[in-house]
Amino acid sequence: MFLASDSSSFREEKIKQILVEDPPLAALLSVIYFEWTVRRAIIALGSSPNVEIRERMKLDHGCDKYKQVWKDEVFPKIGKRLPEVVDVGNWDGLRRAFKLRHRLVHGITSCGHEYAEKRVHWAIAASTNV
């Protein structure tokens, strides 16, 4: 959906456009965008060699796993935990966005614009803060 060369602002605007037409897809994309962002930040800022971090993150994904990898790899360098970077007030919202993504991917539910909108904005804000 996105190219590595796409700017963050382009990605965010595209997700917001999709939110109008297809809220569940926008919810999925916003969490994917966060994951893409946080994984690259961990690789760029991490203490271990990139190869080791990439290998670890093959199995470690989701809010709690990213939080732990960040704590191990990035916290020693920057002195901030991932929920602090995301914004502690937004961390719960990001977790709710991840839960919706999980339910959508597994066909458990769908969602309308109003429900998806908050989660999309939480995920985009988290990505921006990272």
N, C-alpha and C. Protein backbone atom coordinates (compact mmCIF):
# COMPACT_ATOMS: atom_id res chain seq x y z
N MET A 1 0.83 -1.19 0.00
CA MET A 1 0.00 0.00 0.00
C MET A 1 0.86 1.24 0.00
N PHE A 2 1.95 1.22 0.79
CA PHE A 2 2.85 2.37 0.83
C PHE A 2 4.23 1.95 0.35
N LEU A 3 4.96 2.91 -0.17
CA LEU A 3 6.34 2.68 -0.58
C LEU A 3 7.26 3.20 0.51
N ALA A 4 8.45 2.65 0.59
CA ALA A 4 9.42 3.12 1.59
C ALA A 4 9.73 4.60 1.39
N SER A 5 9.64 5.06 0.17
CA SER A 5 9.95 6.46 -0.12
C SER A 5 8.80 7.42 0.22
N ASP A 6 7.62 6.91 0.54
CA ASP A 6 6.49 7.78 0.89
C ASP A 6 6.77 8.50 2.20
N SER A 7 6.44 9.76 2.26
CA SER A 7 6.64 10.53 3.49
C SER A 7 5.59 10.15 4.52
N SER A 8 5.90 10.45 5.76
CA SER A 8 4.94 10.19 6.84
C SER A 8 3.65 10.95 6.62
N SER A 9 3.77 12.21 6.20
CA SER A 9 2.55 13.01 5.99
C SER A 9 1.70 12.43 4.87
N PHE A 10 2.34 11.90 3.83
CA PHE A 10 1.59 11.26 2.74
C PHE A 10 0.84 10.04 3.27
N ARG A 11 1.50 9.22 4.05
CA ARG A 11 0.87 8.02 4.60
C ARG A 11 -0.33 8.39 5.48
N GLU A 12 -0.12 9.38 6.34
CA GLU A 12 -1.19 9.80 7.24
C GLU A 12 -2.39 10.32 6.48
N GLU A 13 -2.16 11.16 5.49
CA GLU A 13 -3.27 11.70 4.69
C GLU A 13 -3.99 10.61 3.92
N LYS A 14 -3.26 9.67 3.38
CA LYS A 14 -3.87 8.55 2.65
C LYS A 14 -4.76 7.72 3.57
N ILE A 15 -4.29 7.44 4.77
CA ILE A 15 -5.09 6.68 5.74
C ILE A 15 -6.36 7.46 6.09
N LYS A 16 -6.24 8.76 6.30
CA LYS A 16 -7.41 9.58 6.62
C LYS A 16 -8.41 9.62 5.46
N GLN A 17 -7.93 9.62 4.22
CA GLN A 17 -8.82 9.56 3.06
C GLN A 17 -9.56 8.22 3.02
N ILE A 18 -8.84 7.17 3.27
CA ILE A 18 -9.44 5.83 3.26
C ILE A 18 -10.47 5.70 4.38
N LEU A 19 -10.25 6.37 5.51
CA LEU A 19 -11.18 6.33 6.64
C LEU A 19 -12.58 6.74 6.21
N VAL A 20 -12.69 7.69 5.32
CA VAL A 20 -13.99 8.18 4.86
C VAL A 20 -14.74 7.09 4.09
N GLU A 21 -14.03 6.36 3.24
CA GLU A 21 -14.65 5.36 2.37
C GLU A 21 -14.70 3.96 2.97
N ASP A 22 -13.69 3.60 3.75
CA ASP A 22 -13.57 2.22 4.24
C ASP A 22 -12.94 2.22 5.63
N PRO A 23 -13.74 2.52 6.66
CA PRO A 23 -13.20 2.62 8.02
C PRO A 23 -12.41 1.39 8.50
N PRO A 24 -12.89 0.16 8.25
CA PRO A 24 -12.09 -0.98 8.71
C PRO A 24 -10.70 -1.03 8.06
N LEU A 25 -10.62 -0.73 6.78
CA LEU A 25 -9.33 -0.73 6.10
C LEU A 25 -8.42 0.35 6.68
N ALA A 26 -8.95 1.51 6.96
CA ALA A 26 -8.16 2.58 7.56
C ALA A 26 -7.64 2.17 8.94
N ALA A 27 -8.47 1.47 9.71
CA ALA A 27 -8.04 0.98 11.03
C ALA A 27 -6.87 0.01 10.88
N LEU A 28 -6.97 -0.89 9.92
CA LEU A 28 -5.87 -1.83 9.67
C LEU A 28 -4.60 -1.09 9.26
N LEU A 29 -4.74 -0.18 8.31
CA LEU A 29 -3.57 0.54 7.79
C LEU A 29 -2.91 1.41 8.85
N SER A 30 -3.70 2.01 9.72
CA SER A 30 -3.12 2.88 10.74
C SER A 30 -2.25 2.09 11.72
N VAL A 31 -2.67 0.89 12.06
CA VAL A 31 -1.86 0.07 12.95
C VAL A 31 -0.63 -0.47 12.22
N ILE A 32 -0.81 -0.85 10.97
CA ILE A 32 0.34 -1.28 10.17
C ILE A 32 1.36 -0.15 10.07
N TYR A 33 0.88 1.05 9.86
CA TYR A 33 1.76 2.22 9.78
C TYR A 33 2.52 2.40 11.10
N PHE A 34 1.85 2.25 12.23
CA PHE A 34 2.54 2.34 13.51
C PHE A 34 3.60 1.25 13.63
N GLU A 35 3.23 0.03 13.29
CA GLU A 35 4.20 -1.07 13.40
C GLU A 35 5.41 -0.82 12.52
N TRP A 36 5.18 -0.38 11.31
CA TRP A 36 6.28 -0.07 10.39
C TRP A 36 7.18 0.99 11.01
N THR A 37 6.58 2.01 11.59
CA THR A 37 7.34 3.12 12.18
C THR A 37 8.12 2.68 13.40
N VAL A 38 7.48 1.98 14.32
CA VAL A 38 8.16 1.62 15.57
C VAL A 38 9.26 0.59 15.32
N ARG A 39 9.02 -0.33 14.41
CA ARG A 39 10.06 -1.33 14.10
C ARG A 39 11.30 -0.65 13.53
N ARG A 40 11.11 0.29 12.62
CA ARG A 40 12.25 0.98 12.04
C ARG A 40 12.96 1.86 13.06
N ALA A 41 12.20 2.45 13.96
CA ALA A 41 12.81 3.26 15.02
C ALA A 41 13.65 2.38 15.95
N ILE A 42 13.14 1.21 16.29
CA ILE A 42 13.89 0.30 17.16
C ILE A 42 15.17 -0.15 16.47
N ILE A 43 15.08 -0.46 15.19
CA ILE A 43 16.27 -0.88 14.45
C ILE A 43 17.29 0.26 14.38
N ALA A 44 16.82 1.46 14.12
CA ALA A 44 17.72 2.61 13.98
C ALA A 44 18.35 3.03 15.31
N LEU A 45 17.58 2.94 16.39
CA LEU A 45 18.05 3.43 17.69
C LEU A 45 18.55 2.33 18.61
N GLY A 46 18.33 1.09 18.24
CA GLY A 46 18.66 -0.03 19.13
C GLY A 46 20.14 -0.18 19.40
N SER A 47 20.43 -0.85 20.51
CA SER A 47 21.81 -1.08 20.95
C SER A 47 22.45 -2.27 20.26
N SER A 48 21.67 -3.27 19.95
CA SER A 48 22.17 -4.50 19.33
C SER A 48 22.34 -4.31 17.83
N PRO A 49 23.10 -5.20 17.21
CA PRO A 49 23.21 -5.14 15.74
C PRO A 49 21.84 -5.32 15.08
N ASN A 50 21.64 -4.65 13.95
CA ASN A 50 20.36 -4.71 13.24
C ASN A 50 19.89 -6.14 12.99
N VAL A 51 20.83 -7.01 12.63
CA VAL A 51 20.47 -8.40 12.33
C VAL A 51 19.82 -9.06 13.55
N GLU A 52 20.37 -8.82 14.72
CA GLU A 52 19.82 -9.40 15.95
C GLU A 52 18.45 -8.81 16.28
N ILE A 53 18.31 -7.52 16.11
CA ILE A 53 17.02 -6.88 16.39
C ILE A 53 15.96 -7.40 15.43
N ARG A 54 16.28 -7.49 14.14
CA ARG A 54 15.33 -8.01 13.16
C ARG A 54 14.93 -9.45 13.48
N GLU A 55 15.88 -10.24 13.88
CA GLU A 55 15.59 -11.64 14.22
C GLU A 55 14.65 -11.70 15.43
N ARG A 56 14.92 -10.89 16.42
CA ARG A 56 14.06 -10.87 17.61
C ARG A 56 12.64 -10.43 17.26
N MET A 57 12.54 -9.43 16.40
CA MET A 57 11.21 -8.89 16.08
C MET A 57 10.43 -9.77 15.13
N LYS A 58 11.03 -10.83 14.61
CA LYS A 58 10.24 -11.79 13.84
C LYS A 58 9.17 -12.41 14.71
N LEU A 59 9.47 -12.56 15.98
CA LEU A 59 8.54 -13.18 16.92
C LEU A 59 7.87 -12.17 17.84
N ASP A 60 8.48 -11.01 18.01
CA ASP A 60 7.97 -10.01 18.94
C ASP A 60 7.20 -8.92 18.20
N HIS A 61 5.88 -8.95 18.33
CA HIS A 61 5.06 -7.90 17.75
C HIS A 61 3.83 -7.72 18.62
N GLY A 62 3.17 -6.59 18.45
CA GLY A 62 2.07 -6.21 19.33
C GLY A 62 2.58 -5.19 20.35
N CYS A 63 1.67 -4.46 20.93
CA CYS A 63 2.04 -3.36 21.84
C CYS A 63 3.00 -3.79 22.94
N ASP A 64 2.65 -4.85 23.66
CA ASP A 64 3.48 -5.26 24.79
C ASP A 64 4.86 -5.74 24.35
N LYS A 65 4.92 -6.44 23.24
CA LYS A 65 6.22 -6.92 22.74
C LYS A 65 7.08 -5.75 22.26
N TYR A 66 6.47 -4.81 21.52
CA TYR A 66 7.23 -3.65 21.08
C TYR A 66 7.73 -2.85 22.29
N LYS A 67 6.90 -2.75 23.30
CA LYS A 67 7.29 -2.03 24.51
C LYS A 67 8.52 -2.69 25.15
N GLN A 68 8.55 -4.01 25.19
CA GLN A 68 9.67 -4.73 25.79
C GLN A 68 10.94 -4.60 24.95
N VAL A 69 10.81 -4.75 23.63
CA VAL A 69 11.98 -4.62 22.76
C VAL A 69 12.53 -3.20 22.86
N TRP A 70 11.64 -2.22 22.87
CA TRP A 70 12.06 -0.82 23.02
C TRP A 70 12.81 -0.64 24.33
N LYS A 71 12.26 -1.20 25.40
CA LYS A 71 12.90 -1.07 26.72
C LYS A 71 14.31 -1.66 26.69
N ASP A 72 14.47 -2.81 26.06
CA ASP A 72 15.76 -3.48 26.00
C ASP A 72 16.75 -2.78 25.07
N GLU A 73 16.26 -2.29 23.95
CA GLU A 73 17.14 -1.78 22.90
C GLU A 73 17.30 -0.26 22.87
N VAL A 74 16.22 0.47 23.07
CA VAL A 74 16.23 1.91 22.85
C VAL A 74 16.29 2.70 24.16
N PHE A 75 15.60 2.25 25.18
CA PHE A 75 15.55 2.97 26.46
C PHE A 75 16.94 3.31 27.00
N PRO A 76 17.90 2.38 26.94
CA PRO A 76 19.23 2.73 27.47
C PRO A 76 19.86 3.93 26.75
N LYS A 77 19.51 4.16 25.51
CA LYS A 77 20.09 5.28 24.74
C LYS A 77 19.35 6.59 24.95
N ILE A 78 18.00 6.53 24.99
CA ILE A 78 17.25 7.79 25.01
C ILE A 78 16.57 8.08 26.36
N GLY A 79 16.51 7.07 27.23
CA GLY A 79 15.95 7.29 28.55
C GLY A 79 14.45 7.46 28.60
N LYS A 80 13.75 7.05 27.55
CA LYS A 80 12.28 7.11 27.54
C LYS A 80 11.73 5.76 27.12
N ARG A 81 10.71 5.32 27.82
CA ARG A 81 10.03 4.08 27.47
C ARG A 81 9.05 4.37 26.32
N LEU A 82 8.68 3.32 25.61
CA LEU A 82 7.80 3.51 24.45
C LEU A 82 6.49 4.19 24.82
N PRO A 83 5.80 3.81 25.92
CA PRO A 83 4.57 4.54 26.25
C PRO A 83 4.78 6.03 26.50
N GLU A 84 5.97 6.40 26.96
CA GLU A 84 6.28 7.83 27.15
C GLU A 84 6.46 8.52 25.81
N VAL A 85 7.08 7.84 24.87
CA VAL A 85 7.30 8.41 23.54
C VAL A 85 5.97 8.53 22.81
N VAL A 86 5.17 7.46 22.87
CA VAL A 86 3.85 7.47 22.21
C VAL A 86 2.97 8.52 22.85
N ASP A 87 3.10 8.71 24.12
CA ASP A 87 2.32 9.60 24.98
C ASP A 87 1.48 8.69 25.85
N VAL A 88 1.79 8.68 27.11
CA VAL A 88 1.13 7.76 28.03
C VAL A 88 -0.39 7.83 27.90
N GLY A 89 -0.93 9.02 27.70
CA GLY A 89 -2.37 9.17 27.54
C GLY A 89 -2.90 8.51 26.28
N ASN A 90 -2.05 8.34 25.30
CA ASN A 90 -2.45 7.74 24.03
C ASN A 90 -2.14 6.24 23.99
N TRP A 91 -1.36 5.74 24.93
CA TRP A 91 -0.95 4.34 24.92
C TRP A 91 -2.17 3.41 24.98
N ASP A 92 -3.12 3.71 25.84
CA ASP A 92 -4.33 2.89 25.93
C ASP A 92 -5.10 2.91 24.62
N GLY A 93 -5.18 4.06 23.99
CA GLY A 93 -5.85 4.16 22.69
C GLY A 93 -5.15 3.33 21.63
N LEU A 94 -3.83 3.35 21.64
CA LEU A 94 -3.07 2.54 20.69
C LEU A 94 -3.36 1.05 20.92
N ARG A 95 -3.41 0.65 22.16
CA ARG A 95 -3.73 -0.76 22.48
C ARG A 95 -5.13 -1.12 21.96
N ARG A 96 -6.05 -0.18 22.07
CA ARG A 96 -7.41 -0.43 21.56
C ARG A 96 -7.41 -0.53 20.04
N ALA A 97 -6.56 0.26 19.39
CA ALA A 97 -6.43 0.17 17.93
C ALA A 97 -5.87 -1.19 17.53
N PHE A 98 -4.90 -1.69 18.28
CA PHE A 98 -4.35 -3.02 18.02
C PHE A 98 -5.41 -4.11 18.20
N LYS A 99 -6.24 -3.96 19.23
CA LYS A 99 -7.31 -4.95 19.45
C LYS A 99 -8.30 -4.97 18.30
N LEU A 100 -8.65 -3.79 17.80
CA LEU A 100 -9.55 -3.74 16.65
C LEU A 100 -8.90 -4.39 15.44
N ARG A 101 -7.63 -4.08 15.21
CA ARG A 101 -6.93 -4.69 14.08
C ARG A 101 -6.98 -6.22 14.17
N HIS A 102 -6.74 -6.74 15.36
CA HIS A 102 -6.77 -8.19 15.56
C HIS A 102 -8.16 -8.75 15.23
N ARG A 103 -9.20 -8.09 15.72
CA ARG A 103 -10.56 -8.58 15.47
C ARG A 103 -10.93 -8.48 14.00
N LEU A 104 -10.47 -7.45 13.32
CA LEU A 104 -10.74 -7.30 11.89
C LEU A 104 -10.00 -8.37 11.07
N VAL A 105 -8.75 -8.57 11.38
CA VAL A 105 -7.93 -9.53 10.63
C VAL A 105 -8.50 -10.94 10.76
N HIS A 106 -9.02 -11.27 11.92
CA HIS A 106 -9.53 -12.62 12.15
C HIS A 106 -11.02 -12.75 11.88
N GLY A 107 -11.62 -11.71 11.33
CA GLY A 107 -13.02 -11.78 10.92
C GLY A 107 -14.00 -11.84 12.06
N ILE A 108 -13.61 -11.37 13.21
CA ILE A 108 -14.47 -11.42 14.39
C ILE A 108 -15.51 -10.31 14.35
N THR A 109 -15.14 -9.17 13.75
CA THR A 109 -16.02 -8.01 13.76
C THR A 109 -15.73 -7.12 12.56
N SER A 110 -16.54 -6.12 12.40
CA SER A 110 -16.27 -5.02 11.49
C SER A 110 -16.47 -3.76 12.31
N CYS A 111 -16.46 -2.61 11.68
CA CYS A 111 -16.67 -1.38 12.44
C CYS A 111 -17.12 -0.27 11.52
N GLY A 112 -17.77 0.70 12.12
CA GLY A 112 -18.21 1.87 11.38
C GLY A 112 -17.21 3.00 11.52
N HIS A 113 -17.52 4.10 10.89
CA HIS A 113 -16.63 5.26 10.86
C HIS A 113 -16.33 5.78 12.26
N GLU A 114 -17.35 5.99 13.07
CA GLU A 114 -17.16 6.59 14.38
C GLU A 114 -16.23 5.74 15.26
N TYR A 115 -16.44 4.44 15.25
CA TYR A 115 -15.62 3.54 16.06
C TYR A 115 -14.18 3.50 15.55
N ALA A 116 -14.02 3.41 14.25
CA ALA A 116 -12.68 3.33 13.66
C ALA A 116 -11.92 4.64 13.78
N GLU A 117 -12.62 5.75 13.68
CA GLU A 117 -11.96 7.05 13.62
C GLU A 117 -11.04 7.30 14.81
N LYS A 118 -11.52 7.05 16.02
CA LYS A 118 -10.69 7.28 17.20
C LYS A 118 -9.44 6.41 17.15
N ARG A 119 -9.61 5.15 16.79
CA ARG A 119 -8.49 4.21 16.76
C ARG A 119 -7.47 4.58 15.68
N VAL A 120 -7.98 5.03 14.54
CA VAL A 120 -7.09 5.47 13.47
C VAL A 120 -6.27 6.67 13.95
N HIS A 121 -6.91 7.61 14.58
CA HIS A 121 -6.20 8.80 15.04
C HIS A 121 -5.21 8.47 16.16
N TRP A 122 -5.57 7.54 17.04
CA TRP A 122 -4.63 7.12 18.09
C TRP A 122 -3.37 6.50 17.47
N ALA A 123 -3.56 5.63 16.50
CA ALA A 123 -2.42 4.96 15.86
C ALA A 123 -1.56 5.95 15.08
N ILE A 124 -2.19 6.86 14.37
CA ILE A 124 -1.43 7.87 13.62
C ILE A 124 -0.66 8.78 14.59
N ALA A 125 -1.29 9.20 15.66
CA ALA A 125 -0.61 10.04 16.64
C ALA A 125 0.57 9.32 17.25
N ALA A 126 0.41 8.05 17.54
CA ALA A 126 1.50 7.24 18.10
C ALA A 126 2.67 7.18 17.11
N SER A 127 2.35 6.97 15.85
CA SER A 127 3.39 6.92 14.82
C SER A 127 4.12 8.25 14.71
N THR A 128 3.38 9.33 14.74
CA THR A 128 3.97 10.67 14.67
C THR A 128 4.92 10.90 15.84
N ASN A 129 4.52 10.48 17.03
CA ASN A 129 5.34 10.70 18.21
C ASN A 129 6.62 9.87 18.18
N VAL A 130 6.54 8.69 17.60
CA VAL A 130 7.74 7.85 17.50
C VAL A 130 8.70 8.48 16.51
